[in-house]
Amino acid sequence: MPDYHIPLFPDKTYHIFSRAIGREKLFLSEENYKFFLQKYKLHISPVADTFAYTLLPNHFHFLIRIKSLEEIKDYFPSVKGNKPFYIDIVSEFIMERFGNLLNSYTKSFNKRNKRKGGLFIDTMRRVEIADDAQLGAIIFYIHKNAIHHRYSKTMAEWQWSSYNSMLSKAPTMLLRDEVIDWFGGIEQFIKFHEQPIYLKDDSIED
């Protein structure tokens, strides 16, 4: 079984994901989705670049590449002030950014919805991407997730994923050019995403 609690290191690529506790929902409105992405850009974009993502009502997936050690070192003082920077705390610092993302979102969500307690289950899970084949497979997996869970019938219908942004020329936080180049162009990207998608059995709990 994969180790879902591995450390995050500079220049490495990871599939990260988490879900809500029990039958809770992470996103109850369009505003929730937008706010989460705003918090993601604030806390994560300084330490990681994003290949792909999807937000679903009760869970999320991101495919990211952690920035270089030099970039993280340059960003460190904006968060930690004059505290000394050591290589052996880099992974802890990166994970702290994700912890701040989830905690800040939870506090806002709880305040708005008059609830208390944790919202996300245990620790955010992560899997290191070992090769290019796995990279392409995870991008497809992320983009098909809304269909698999029966939230939409096509990838383009689901607003809260990176699929439509890949086909757009609008400004984006995504590594869009790198992704499209990896697939060999827009047409090949679309064709790769046309492969069959298994639909989740509604009788099986997420």
N, C-alpha and C. Protein backbone atom coordinates (compact mmCIF):
# COMPACT_ATOMS: atom_id res chain seq x y z
N MET A 1 0.84 -1.20 0.00
CA MET A 1 0.00 0.00 0.00
C MET A 1 0.88 1.25 0.00
N PRO A 2 0.44 2.32 -0.66
CA PRO A 2 1.23 3.54 -0.66
C PRO A 2 1.26 4.20 0.71
N ASP A 3 2.36 4.89 1.00
CA ASP A 3 2.47 5.65 2.23
C ASP A 3 1.84 7.02 1.98
N TYR A 4 0.66 7.24 2.56
CA TYR A 4 -0.08 8.48 2.31
C TYR A 4 0.41 9.65 3.15
N HIS A 5 1.42 9.43 3.98
CA HIS A 5 1.88 10.49 4.88
C HIS A 5 3.35 10.80 4.68
N ILE A 6 3.83 10.64 3.46
CA ILE A 6 5.22 10.92 3.15
C ILE A 6 5.49 12.42 3.23
N PRO A 7 6.73 12.82 3.49
CA PRO A 7 7.07 14.26 3.50
C PRO A 7 7.05 14.82 2.09
N LEU A 8 6.91 16.12 1.99
CA LEU A 8 6.93 16.81 0.71
C LEU A 8 8.28 17.52 0.55
N PHE A 9 8.96 17.26 -0.57
CA PHE A 9 10.29 17.80 -0.79
C PHE A 9 10.35 18.68 -2.04
N PRO A 10 11.26 19.65 -2.06
CA PRO A 10 11.42 20.51 -3.23
C PRO A 10 11.66 19.72 -4.52
N ASP A 11 11.09 20.23 -5.61
CA ASP A 11 11.26 19.69 -6.96
C ASP A 11 10.59 18.32 -7.17
N LYS A 12 9.86 17.83 -6.19
CA LYS A 12 9.15 16.57 -6.33
C LYS A 12 7.69 16.83 -6.70
N THR A 13 7.07 15.87 -7.39
CA THR A 13 5.68 16.00 -7.81
C THR A 13 4.81 15.05 -7.01
N TYR A 14 3.63 15.55 -6.57
CA TYR A 14 2.76 14.76 -5.69
C TYR A 14 1.29 14.91 -6.09
N HIS A 15 0.57 13.82 -5.89
CA HIS A 15 -0.90 13.84 -5.92
C HIS A 15 -1.33 14.00 -4.48
N ILE A 16 -2.03 15.09 -4.16
CA ILE A 16 -2.49 15.32 -2.80
C ILE A 16 -4.01 15.34 -2.78
N PHE A 17 -4.58 14.83 -1.71
CA PHE A 17 -6.04 14.75 -1.63
C PHE A 17 -6.49 14.65 -0.19
N SER A 18 -7.72 15.09 0.03
CA SER A 18 -8.33 14.99 1.35
C SER A 18 -9.84 15.02 1.18
N ARG A 19 -10.53 14.67 2.24
CA ARG A 19 -11.98 14.65 2.18
C ARG A 19 -12.58 15.09 3.51
N ALA A 20 -13.88 15.29 3.50
CA ALA A 20 -14.57 15.73 4.70
C ALA A 20 -14.77 14.57 5.67
N ILE A 21 -14.98 14.91 6.92
CA ILE A 21 -15.27 13.92 7.95
C ILE A 21 -16.65 13.32 7.70
N GLY A 22 -16.75 12.00 7.79
CA GLY A 22 -18.05 11.32 7.68
C GLY A 22 -18.84 11.73 6.46
N ARG A 23 -20.06 12.15 6.68
CA ARG A 23 -20.93 12.56 5.57
C ARG A 23 -21.00 14.09 5.42
N GLU A 24 -20.06 14.78 6.03
CA GLU A 24 -20.02 16.24 5.90
C GLU A 24 -19.68 16.62 4.46
N LYS A 25 -19.95 17.87 4.13
CA LYS A 25 -19.58 18.44 2.84
C LYS A 25 -18.56 19.54 3.06
N LEU A 26 -17.60 19.62 2.15
CA LEU A 26 -16.61 20.70 2.21
C LEU A 26 -17.13 21.97 1.57
N PHE A 27 -17.97 21.80 0.54
CA PHE A 27 -18.44 22.92 -0.25
C PHE A 27 -19.96 22.85 -0.38
N LEU A 28 -20.61 23.89 0.11
CA LEU A 28 -22.07 23.94 0.09
C LEU A 28 -22.59 24.96 -0.92
N SER A 29 -21.69 25.78 -1.45
CA SER A 29 -22.12 26.84 -2.36
C SER A 29 -20.99 27.19 -3.31
N GLU A 30 -21.32 27.92 -4.36
CA GLU A 30 -20.30 28.38 -5.30
C GLU A 30 -19.27 29.25 -4.59
N GLU A 31 -19.74 30.03 -3.63
CA GLU A 31 -18.84 30.89 -2.87
C GLU A 31 -17.79 30.07 -2.11
N ASN A 32 -18.19 28.90 -1.58
CA ASN A 32 -17.25 28.04 -0.88
C ASN A 32 -16.12 27.57 -1.80
N TYR A 33 -16.48 27.13 -2.99
CA TYR A 33 -15.48 26.67 -3.95
C TYR A 33 -14.49 27.79 -4.28
N LYS A 34 -15.03 28.97 -4.56
CA LYS A 34 -14.18 30.11 -4.92
C LYS A 34 -13.26 30.50 -3.77
N PHE A 35 -13.81 30.49 -2.56
CA PHE A 35 -13.02 30.88 -1.40
C PHE A 35 -11.88 29.89 -1.16
N PHE A 36 -12.15 28.60 -1.33
CA PHE A 36 -11.11 27.59 -1.14
C PHE A 36 -9.97 27.81 -2.13
N LEU A 37 -10.30 28.07 -3.39
CA LEU A 37 -9.27 28.31 -4.39
C LEU A 37 -8.48 29.58 -4.09
N GLN A 38 -9.15 30.59 -3.55
CA GLN A 38 -8.44 31.81 -3.15
C GLN A 38 -7.44 31.51 -2.04
N LYS A 39 -7.87 30.71 -1.06
CA LYS A 39 -6.99 30.33 0.04
C LYS A 39 -5.84 29.45 -0.47
N TYR A 40 -6.14 28.61 -1.44
CA TYR A 40 -5.11 27.75 -2.02
C TYR A 40 -4.02 28.60 -2.67
N LYS A 41 -4.42 29.59 -3.45
CA LYS A 41 -3.45 30.47 -4.10
C LYS A 41 -2.61 31.22 -3.06
N LEU A 42 -3.25 31.64 -1.99
CA LEU A 42 -2.55 32.39 -0.95
C LEU A 42 -1.51 31.53 -0.24
N HIS A 43 -1.90 30.34 0.18
CA HIS A 43 -1.04 29.51 1.02
C HIS A 43 -0.13 28.56 0.24
N ILE A 44 -0.59 28.06 -0.90
CA ILE A 44 0.14 27.00 -1.59
C ILE A 44 0.94 27.48 -2.79
N SER A 45 0.40 28.42 -3.55
CA SER A 45 1.11 28.85 -4.76
C SER A 45 2.54 29.34 -4.50
N PRO A 46 2.84 29.93 -3.33
CA PRO A 46 4.24 30.33 -3.10
C PRO A 46 5.20 29.15 -2.92
N VAL A 47 4.68 27.95 -2.62
CA VAL A 47 5.57 26.80 -2.38
C VAL A 47 5.38 25.68 -3.38
N ALA A 48 4.36 25.75 -4.22
CA ALA A 48 4.12 24.66 -5.17
C ALA A 48 3.44 25.17 -6.43
N ASP A 49 3.77 24.55 -7.56
CA ASP A 49 3.08 24.81 -8.82
C ASP A 49 2.05 23.71 -9.03
N THR A 50 0.98 24.05 -9.75
CA THR A 50 -0.16 23.13 -9.87
C THR A 50 -0.35 22.67 -11.31
N PHE A 51 -0.38 21.35 -11.49
CA PHE A 51 -0.65 20.76 -12.80
C PHE A 51 -2.16 20.65 -13.04
N ALA A 52 -2.89 20.16 -12.05
CA ALA A 52 -4.32 19.89 -12.22
C ALA A 52 -4.99 19.83 -10.86
N TYR A 53 -6.33 20.01 -10.86
CA TYR A 53 -7.08 19.90 -9.61
C TYR A 53 -8.54 19.61 -9.91
N THR A 54 -9.22 19.14 -8.89
CA THR A 54 -10.68 19.12 -8.90
C THR A 54 -11.17 19.26 -7.48
N LEU A 55 -12.26 20.02 -7.33
CA LEU A 55 -12.94 20.16 -6.05
C LEU A 55 -14.32 19.53 -6.20
N LEU A 56 -14.64 18.59 -5.34
CA LEU A 56 -15.94 17.94 -5.33
C LEU A 56 -16.61 18.23 -3.99
N PRO A 57 -17.91 18.02 -3.89
CA PRO A 57 -18.61 18.43 -2.66
C PRO A 57 -17.98 17.95 -1.37
N ASN A 58 -17.42 16.73 -1.37
CA ASN A 58 -16.89 16.21 -0.10
C ASN A 58 -15.40 15.88 -0.13
N HIS A 59 -14.69 16.17 -1.24
CA HIS A 59 -13.25 15.93 -1.28
C HIS A 59 -12.58 16.74 -2.39
N PHE A 60 -11.24 16.73 -2.38
CA PHE A 60 -10.50 17.44 -3.42
C PHE A 60 -9.27 16.65 -3.82
N HIS A 61 -8.76 16.95 -5.02
CA HIS A 61 -7.52 16.38 -5.53
C HIS A 61 -6.70 17.50 -6.17
N PHE A 62 -5.39 17.50 -5.93
CA PHE A 62 -4.47 18.40 -6.61
C PHE A 62 -3.26 17.60 -7.07
N LEU A 63 -2.72 17.95 -8.21
CA LEU A 63 -1.44 17.40 -8.67
C LEU A 63 -0.48 18.58 -8.69
N ILE A 64 0.56 18.50 -7.87
CA ILE A 64 1.44 19.65 -7.68
C ILE A 64 2.91 19.26 -7.82
N ARG A 65 3.71 20.26 -8.09
CA ARG A 65 5.17 20.09 -8.01
C ARG A 65 5.70 21.14 -7.04
N ILE A 66 6.36 20.68 -6.01
CA ILE A 66 6.92 21.59 -5.02
C ILE A 66 8.01 22.44 -5.67
N LYS A 67 8.05 23.70 -5.35
CA LYS A 67 9.04 24.60 -5.93
C LYS A 67 10.45 24.23 -5.49
N SER A 68 11.43 24.86 -6.09
CA SER A 68 12.82 24.56 -5.78
C SER A 68 13.18 25.00 -4.36
N LEU A 69 14.24 24.45 -3.85
CA LEU A 69 14.71 24.81 -2.51
C LEU A 69 15.02 26.31 -2.43
N GLU A 70 15.61 26.85 -3.48
CA GLU A 70 15.96 28.27 -3.48
C GLU A 70 14.70 29.15 -3.43
N GLU A 71 13.66 28.76 -4.17
CA GLU A 71 12.41 29.53 -4.17
C GLU A 71 11.75 29.49 -2.80
N ILE A 72 11.76 28.32 -2.17
CA ILE A 72 11.16 28.18 -0.84
C ILE A 72 11.96 28.97 0.19
N LYS A 73 13.27 28.94 0.06
CA LYS A 73 14.13 29.70 0.97
C LYS A 73 13.85 31.20 0.84
N ASP A 74 13.64 31.68 -0.38
CA ASP A 74 13.34 33.10 -0.60
C ASP A 74 11.99 33.49 -0.03
N TYR A 75 11.04 32.55 -0.04
CA TYR A 75 9.68 32.83 0.46
C TYR A 75 9.61 32.74 1.98
N PHE A 76 10.45 31.93 2.58
CA PHE A 76 10.41 31.63 4.01
C PHE A 76 10.32 32.87 4.90
N PRO A 77 11.14 33.93 4.68
CA PRO A 77 11.08 35.10 5.58
C PRO A 77 9.75 35.83 5.56
N SER A 78 9.00 35.75 4.45
CA SER A 78 7.71 36.45 4.40
C SER A 78 6.70 35.81 5.35
N VAL A 79 6.97 34.58 5.75
CA VAL A 79 6.09 33.88 6.69
C VAL A 79 6.69 33.81 8.09
N LYS A 80 7.99 33.56 8.14
CA LYS A 80 8.65 33.29 9.41
C LYS A 80 9.52 34.44 9.92
N GLY A 81 9.54 35.53 9.17
CA GLY A 81 10.32 36.67 9.62
C GLY A 81 11.81 36.36 9.68
N ASN A 82 12.44 36.64 10.82
CA ASN A 82 13.89 36.47 10.97
C ASN A 82 14.31 35.10 11.48
N LYS A 83 13.37 34.17 11.55
CA LYS A 83 13.72 32.82 12.01
C LYS A 83 14.71 32.19 11.04
N PRO A 84 15.68 31.44 11.55
CA PRO A 84 16.69 30.83 10.67
C PRO A 84 16.08 29.75 9.77
N PHE A 85 16.59 29.64 8.57
CA PHE A 85 16.12 28.65 7.61
C PHE A 85 17.11 27.50 7.56
N TYR A 86 16.61 26.28 7.78
CA TYR A 86 17.45 25.09 7.72
C TYR A 86 16.83 24.10 6.72
N ILE A 87 17.68 23.38 6.02
CA ILE A 87 17.20 22.42 5.04
C ILE A 87 16.31 21.35 5.68
N ASP A 88 16.65 20.96 6.90
CA ASP A 88 15.90 19.86 7.52
C ASP A 88 14.50 20.28 8.00
N ILE A 89 14.13 21.56 7.86
CA ILE A 89 12.77 21.97 8.23
C ILE A 89 11.92 22.30 7.00
N VAL A 90 12.48 22.10 5.82
CA VAL A 90 11.77 22.47 4.59
C VAL A 90 10.47 21.70 4.46
N SER A 91 10.51 20.38 4.63
CA SER A 91 9.29 19.57 4.49
C SER A 91 8.23 19.99 5.50
N GLU A 92 8.66 20.25 6.73
CA GLU A 92 7.74 20.70 7.77
C GLU A 92 7.11 22.04 7.39
N PHE A 93 7.91 22.93 6.84
CA PHE A 93 7.42 24.24 6.43
C PHE A 93 6.38 24.11 5.31
N ILE A 94 6.64 23.24 4.36
CA ILE A 94 5.71 23.03 3.24
C ILE A 94 4.39 22.46 3.77
N MET A 95 4.48 21.45 4.62
CA MET A 95 3.26 20.86 5.18
C MET A 95 2.48 21.87 6.02
N GLU A 96 3.21 22.76 6.66
CA GLU A 96 2.55 23.82 7.45
C GLU A 96 1.69 24.71 6.56
N ARG A 97 2.14 24.95 5.31
CA ARG A 97 1.34 25.76 4.37
C ARG A 97 0.01 25.07 4.09
N PHE A 98 0.04 23.75 3.88
CA PHE A 98 -1.20 23.02 3.64
C PHE A 98 -2.07 22.99 4.89
N GLY A 99 -1.44 22.86 6.05
CA GLY A 99 -2.21 22.91 7.29
C GLY A 99 -2.91 24.24 7.46
N ASN A 100 -2.23 25.32 7.11
CA ASN A 100 -2.85 26.64 7.20
C ASN A 100 -4.01 26.79 6.22
N LEU A 101 -3.85 26.22 5.02
CA LEU A 101 -4.94 26.23 4.04
C LEU A 101 -6.18 25.57 4.62
N LEU A 102 -6.03 24.35 5.10
CA LEU A 102 -7.19 23.59 5.58
C LEU A 102 -7.77 24.21 6.85
N ASN A 103 -6.91 24.68 7.73
CA ASN A 103 -7.40 25.28 8.98
C ASN A 103 -8.13 26.59 8.75
N SER A 104 -7.57 27.43 7.88
CA SER A 104 -8.21 28.72 7.63
C SER A 104 -9.54 28.54 6.92
N TYR A 105 -9.59 27.56 6.00
CA TYR A 105 -10.86 27.30 5.32
C TYR A 105 -11.89 26.76 6.32
N THR A 106 -11.47 25.85 7.18
CA THR A 106 -12.38 25.27 8.16
C THR A 106 -12.95 26.35 9.08
N LYS A 107 -12.12 27.26 9.57
CA LYS A 107 -12.59 28.32 10.46
C LYS A 107 -13.63 29.19 9.77
N SER A 108 -13.39 29.54 8.52
CA SER A 108 -14.34 30.37 7.78
C SER A 108 -15.63 29.61 7.52
N PHE A 109 -15.49 28.33 7.12
CA PHE A 109 -16.66 27.50 6.85
C PHE A 109 -17.51 27.34 8.10
N ASN A 110 -16.87 27.07 9.23
CA ASN A 110 -17.59 26.89 10.49
C ASN A 110 -18.32 28.17 10.91
N LYS A 111 -17.65 29.29 10.77
CA LYS A 111 -18.27 30.56 11.15
C LYS A 111 -19.50 30.85 10.29
N ARG A 112 -19.36 30.63 8.99
CA ARG A 112 -20.46 30.91 8.07
C ARG A 112 -21.64 29.95 8.29
N ASN A 113 -21.33 28.71 8.65
CA ASN A 113 -22.39 27.69 8.76
C ASN A 113 -22.74 27.34 10.20
N LYS A 114 -22.21 28.12 11.13
CA LYS A 114 -22.53 27.95 12.55
C LYS A 114 -22.30 26.52 13.03
N ARG A 115 -21.13 25.98 12.69
CA ARG A 115 -20.75 24.64 13.14
C ARG A 115 -19.43 24.73 13.89
N LYS A 116 -19.07 23.64 14.55
CA LYS A 116 -17.83 23.58 15.31
C LYS A 116 -17.07 22.30 14.96
N GLY A 117 -15.78 22.31 15.25
CA GLY A 117 -14.99 21.11 15.09
C GLY A 117 -14.31 20.99 13.74
N GLY A 118 -13.59 19.87 13.58
CA GLY A 118 -12.85 19.62 12.36
C GLY A 118 -13.77 19.39 11.16
N LEU A 119 -13.24 19.68 10.00
CA LEU A 119 -13.99 19.50 8.76
C LEU A 119 -13.35 18.45 7.87
N PHE A 120 -12.00 18.40 7.86
CA PHE A 120 -11.26 17.46 7.02
C PHE A 120 -10.84 16.24 7.83
N ILE A 121 -10.84 15.08 7.16
CA ILE A 121 -10.48 13.84 7.83
C ILE A 121 -8.96 13.73 7.99
N ASP A 122 -8.51 13.32 9.14
CA ASP A 122 -7.11 13.10 9.53
C ASP A 122 -6.13 14.01 8.80
N THR A 123 -5.00 13.45 8.36
CA THR A 123 -3.96 14.24 7.70
C THR A 123 -4.15 14.20 6.19
N MET A 124 -3.86 15.30 5.53
CA MET A 124 -3.94 15.32 4.07
C MET A 124 -3.05 14.22 3.49
N ARG A 125 -3.59 13.47 2.55
CA ARG A 125 -2.85 12.36 1.97
C ARG A 125 -2.06 12.82 0.75
N ARG A 126 -0.96 12.14 0.47
CA ARG A 126 -0.13 12.49 -0.67
C ARG A 126 0.61 11.25 -1.19
N VAL A 127 0.79 11.25 -2.51
CA VAL A 127 1.50 10.16 -3.18
C VAL A 127 2.49 10.79 -4.15
N GLU A 128 3.75 10.40 -4.09
CA GLU A 128 4.74 10.94 -5.01
C GLU A 128 4.56 10.34 -6.40
N ILE A 129 4.66 11.18 -7.41
CA ILE A 129 4.55 10.74 -8.80
C ILE A 129 5.92 10.26 -9.26
N ALA A 130 5.98 9.01 -9.70
CA ALA A 130 7.27 8.38 -9.98
C ALA A 130 7.77 8.61 -11.40
N ASP A 131 6.85 8.75 -12.37
CA ASP A 131 7.29 8.86 -13.76
C ASP A 131 6.24 9.59 -14.59
N ASP A 132 6.57 9.82 -15.88
CA ASP A 132 5.68 10.57 -16.76
C ASP A 132 4.35 9.85 -17.00
N ALA A 133 4.40 8.52 -17.09
CA ALA A 133 3.16 7.76 -17.31
C ALA A 133 2.19 7.97 -16.16
N GLN A 134 2.70 7.96 -14.95
CA GLN A 134 1.85 8.17 -13.77
C GLN A 134 1.32 9.60 -13.76
N LEU A 135 2.14 10.55 -14.21
CA LEU A 135 1.71 11.94 -14.27
C LEU A 135 0.47 12.09 -15.16
N GLY A 136 0.53 11.53 -16.37
CA GLY A 136 -0.61 11.60 -17.28
C GLY A 136 -1.83 10.90 -16.73
N ALA A 137 -1.61 9.74 -16.10
CA ALA A 137 -2.73 8.97 -15.55
C ALA A 137 -3.43 9.74 -14.43
N ILE A 138 -2.65 10.44 -13.59
CA ILE A 138 -3.25 11.18 -12.48
C ILE A 138 -3.98 12.41 -12.98
N ILE A 139 -3.46 13.07 -14.00
CA ILE A 139 -4.18 14.21 -14.58
C ILE A 139 -5.54 13.76 -15.08
N PHE A 140 -5.58 12.64 -15.79
CA PHE A 140 -6.86 12.10 -16.26
C PHE A 140 -7.75 11.72 -15.08
N TYR A 141 -7.18 11.06 -14.09
CA TYR A 141 -7.94 10.63 -12.92
C TYR A 141 -8.60 11.83 -12.23
N ILE A 142 -7.84 12.91 -12.09
CA ILE A 142 -8.38 14.11 -11.44
C ILE A 142 -9.51 14.71 -12.26
N HIS A 143 -9.31 14.81 -13.56
CA HIS A 143 -10.32 15.44 -14.41
C HIS A 143 -11.58 14.58 -14.58
N LYS A 144 -11.46 13.28 -14.44
CA LYS A 144 -12.63 12.41 -14.61
C LYS A 144 -13.42 12.25 -13.32
N ASN A 145 -12.89 12.75 -12.21
CA ASN A 145 -13.46 12.45 -10.89
C ASN A 145 -14.92 12.86 -10.75
N ALA A 146 -15.28 14.01 -11.30
CA ALA A 146 -16.67 14.47 -11.18
C ALA A 146 -17.62 13.53 -11.93
N ILE A 147 -17.17 12.98 -13.04
CA ILE A 147 -17.99 12.02 -13.78
C ILE A 147 -18.07 10.71 -13.00
N HIS A 148 -16.93 10.25 -12.52
CA HIS A 148 -16.88 8.99 -11.76
C HIS A 148 -17.84 9.03 -10.58
N HIS A 149 -17.92 10.16 -9.90
CA HIS A 149 -18.79 10.30 -8.74
C HIS A 149 -20.19 10.81 -9.10
N ARG A 150 -20.47 10.88 -10.39
CA ARG A 150 -21.80 11.22 -10.90
C ARG A 150 -22.24 12.65 -10.59
N TYR A 151 -21.27 13.55 -10.49
CA TYR A 151 -21.62 14.96 -10.30
C TYR A 151 -21.80 15.68 -11.63
N SER A 152 -21.30 15.10 -12.70
CA SER A 152 -21.49 15.66 -14.04
C SER A 152 -21.40 14.54 -15.06
N LYS A 153 -21.87 14.82 -16.27
CA LYS A 153 -21.83 13.83 -17.33
C LYS A 153 -20.61 14.00 -18.23
N THR A 154 -20.03 15.20 -18.24
CA THR A 154 -18.82 15.45 -19.00
C THR A 154 -17.84 16.25 -18.16
N MET A 155 -16.58 16.20 -18.53
CA MET A 155 -15.57 16.96 -17.79
C MET A 155 -15.82 18.46 -17.92
N ALA A 156 -16.22 18.89 -19.09
CA ALA A 156 -16.44 20.31 -19.34
C ALA A 156 -17.59 20.88 -18.51
N GLU A 157 -18.53 20.03 -18.10
CA GLU A 157 -19.68 20.48 -17.31
C GLU A 157 -19.28 20.86 -15.89
N TRP A 158 -18.20 20.24 -15.39
CA TRP A 158 -17.85 20.47 -13.98
C TRP A 158 -16.97 21.70 -13.87
N GLN A 159 -17.48 22.72 -13.24
CA GLN A 159 -16.82 24.02 -13.18
C GLN A 159 -15.58 24.01 -12.30
N TRP A 160 -15.54 23.12 -11.30
CA TRP A 160 -14.53 23.22 -10.26
C TRP A 160 -13.38 22.22 -10.48
N SER A 161 -12.89 22.18 -11.70
CA SER A 161 -11.69 21.41 -12.01
C SER A 161 -10.85 22.22 -12.98
N SER A 162 -9.65 21.73 -13.24
CA SER A 162 -8.73 22.43 -14.14
C SER A 162 -8.95 22.08 -15.60
N TYR A 163 -9.88 21.18 -15.90
CA TYR A 163 -10.05 20.72 -17.28
C TYR A 163 -10.32 21.88 -18.24
N ASN A 164 -11.33 22.69 -17.95
CA ASN A 164 -11.68 23.78 -18.86
C ASN A 164 -10.55 24.81 -18.97
N SER A 165 -9.84 25.03 -17.88
CA SER A 165 -8.72 25.98 -17.91
C SER A 165 -7.63 25.50 -18.86
N MET A 166 -7.46 24.19 -18.98
CA MET A 166 -6.46 23.65 -19.89
C MET A 166 -6.78 23.97 -21.35
N LEU A 167 -8.05 24.12 -21.64
CA LEU A 167 -8.48 24.39 -23.01
C LEU A 167 -8.63 25.87 -23.29
N SER A 168 -8.39 26.69 -22.28
CA SER A 168 -8.58 28.13 -22.38
C SER A 168 -7.23 28.84 -22.59
N LYS A 169 -7.32 30.10 -22.98
CA LYS A 169 -6.12 30.94 -23.07
C LYS A 169 -6.12 32.03 -22.01
N ALA A 170 -7.10 31.96 -21.11
CA ALA A 170 -7.19 32.94 -20.04
C ALA A 170 -6.05 32.73 -19.03
N PRO A 171 -5.66 33.77 -18.31
CA PRO A 171 -4.61 33.62 -17.29
C PRO A 171 -4.98 32.54 -16.28
N THR A 172 -4.00 31.80 -15.82
CA THR A 172 -4.25 30.69 -14.90
C THR A 172 -3.05 30.48 -13.99
N MET A 173 -3.31 29.91 -12.81
CA MET A 173 -2.23 29.55 -11.91
C MET A 173 -1.61 28.21 -12.30
N LEU A 174 -2.22 27.52 -13.25
CA LEU A 174 -1.81 26.17 -13.62
C LEU A 174 -0.57 26.15 -14.50
N LEU A 175 0.13 25.01 -14.48
CA LEU A 175 1.23 24.76 -15.41
C LEU A 175 0.63 24.28 -16.74
N ARG A 176 -0.22 25.12 -17.31
CA ARG A 176 -1.01 24.71 -18.48
C ARG A 176 -0.13 24.35 -19.68
N ASP A 177 0.81 25.20 -20.03
CA ASP A 177 1.65 24.93 -21.20
C ASP A 177 2.43 23.64 -21.02
N GLU A 178 2.91 23.40 -19.82
CA GLU A 178 3.68 22.18 -19.56
C GLU A 178 2.79 20.94 -19.69
N VAL A 179 1.56 21.03 -19.20
CA VAL A 179 0.64 19.89 -19.30
C VAL A 179 0.28 19.61 -20.76
N ILE A 180 -0.09 20.65 -21.49
CA ILE A 180 -0.49 20.48 -22.88
C ILE A 180 0.69 19.96 -23.71
N ASP A 181 1.88 20.46 -23.46
CA ASP A 181 3.06 19.97 -24.16
C ASP A 181 3.32 18.51 -23.84
N TRP A 182 3.09 18.12 -22.60
CA TRP A 182 3.31 16.72 -22.21
C TRP A 182 2.40 15.79 -23.03
N PHE A 183 1.15 16.21 -23.26
CA PHE A 183 0.22 15.39 -24.04
C PHE A 183 0.47 15.50 -25.54
N GLY A 184 1.28 16.47 -25.97
CA GLY A 184 1.56 16.63 -27.38
C GLY A 184 0.64 17.60 -28.09
N GLY A 185 -0.08 18.43 -27.33
CA GLY A 185 -0.97 19.42 -27.93
C GLY A 185 -2.39 19.28 -27.42
N ILE A 186 -3.22 20.29 -27.74
CA ILE A 186 -4.61 20.31 -27.27
C ILE A 186 -5.39 19.12 -27.78
N GLU A 187 -5.27 18.79 -29.06
CA GLU A 187 -6.05 17.68 -29.63
C GLU A 187 -5.73 16.37 -28.93
N GLN A 188 -4.45 16.14 -28.66
CA GLN A 188 -4.05 14.90 -27.98
C GLN A 188 -4.52 14.90 -26.52
N PHE A 189 -4.50 16.07 -25.90
CA PHE A 189 -5.00 16.20 -24.53
C PHE A 189 -6.47 15.80 -24.47
N ILE A 190 -7.27 16.34 -25.40
CA ILE A 190 -8.70 16.04 -25.45
C ILE A 190 -8.92 14.55 -25.74
N LYS A 191 -8.18 14.02 -26.68
CA LYS A 191 -8.34 12.61 -27.05
C LYS A 191 -8.03 11.70 -25.88
N PHE A 192 -6.97 11.99 -25.15
CA PHE A 192 -6.60 11.19 -23.99
C PHE A 192 -7.71 11.18 -22.96
N HIS A 193 -8.42 12.29 -22.84
CA HIS A 193 -9.50 12.41 -21.86
C HIS A 193 -10.82 11.82 -22.34
N GLU A 194 -10.83 11.24 -23.52
CA GLU A 194 -12.06 10.63 -24.05
C GLU A 194 -12.13 9.13 -23.77
N GLN A 195 -11.17 8.61 -23.05
CA GLN A 195 -11.19 7.18 -22.73
C GLN A 195 -12.33 6.87 -21.76
N PRO A 196 -12.80 5.62 -21.72
CA PRO A 196 -13.96 5.25 -20.88
C PRO A 196 -13.74 5.59 -19.41
N ILE A 197 -14.82 5.96 -18.74
CA ILE A 197 -14.78 6.31 -17.32
C ILE A 197 -15.76 5.44 -16.55
N TYR A 198 -15.26 4.75 -15.55
CA TYR A 198 -16.09 3.92 -14.68
C TYR A 198 -16.92 4.80 -13.76
N LEU A 199 -18.23 4.53 -13.68
CA LEU A 199 -19.12 5.29 -12.81
C LEU A 199 -19.22 4.61 -11.46
N LYS A 200 -19.06 5.38 -10.41
CA LYS A 200 -19.11 4.85 -9.05
C LYS A 200 -20.50 4.32 -8.74
N ASP A 201 -20.55 3.20 -8.05
CA ASP A 201 -21.81 2.61 -7.59
C ASP A 201 -22.37 3.48 -6.47
N ASP A 202 -23.58 4.01 -6.67
CA ASP A 202 -24.19 4.89 -5.66
C ASP A 202 -24.40 4.22 -4.32
N SER A 203 -24.42 2.90 -4.31
CA SER A 203 -24.67 2.18 -3.06
C SER A 203 -23.41 2.07 -2.21
N ILE A 204 -22.24 2.45 -2.81
CA ILE A 204 -20.99 2.36 -2.09
C ILE A 204 -20.63 3.74 -1.54
N GLU A 205 -20.37 3.82 -0.26
CA GLU A 205 -20.03 5.11 0.36
C GLU A 205 -18.69 5.57 -0.11
N ASP A 206 -18.51 6.89 -0.30
CA ASP A 206 -17.21 7.45 -0.72
C ASP A 206 -16.12 7.05 0.25
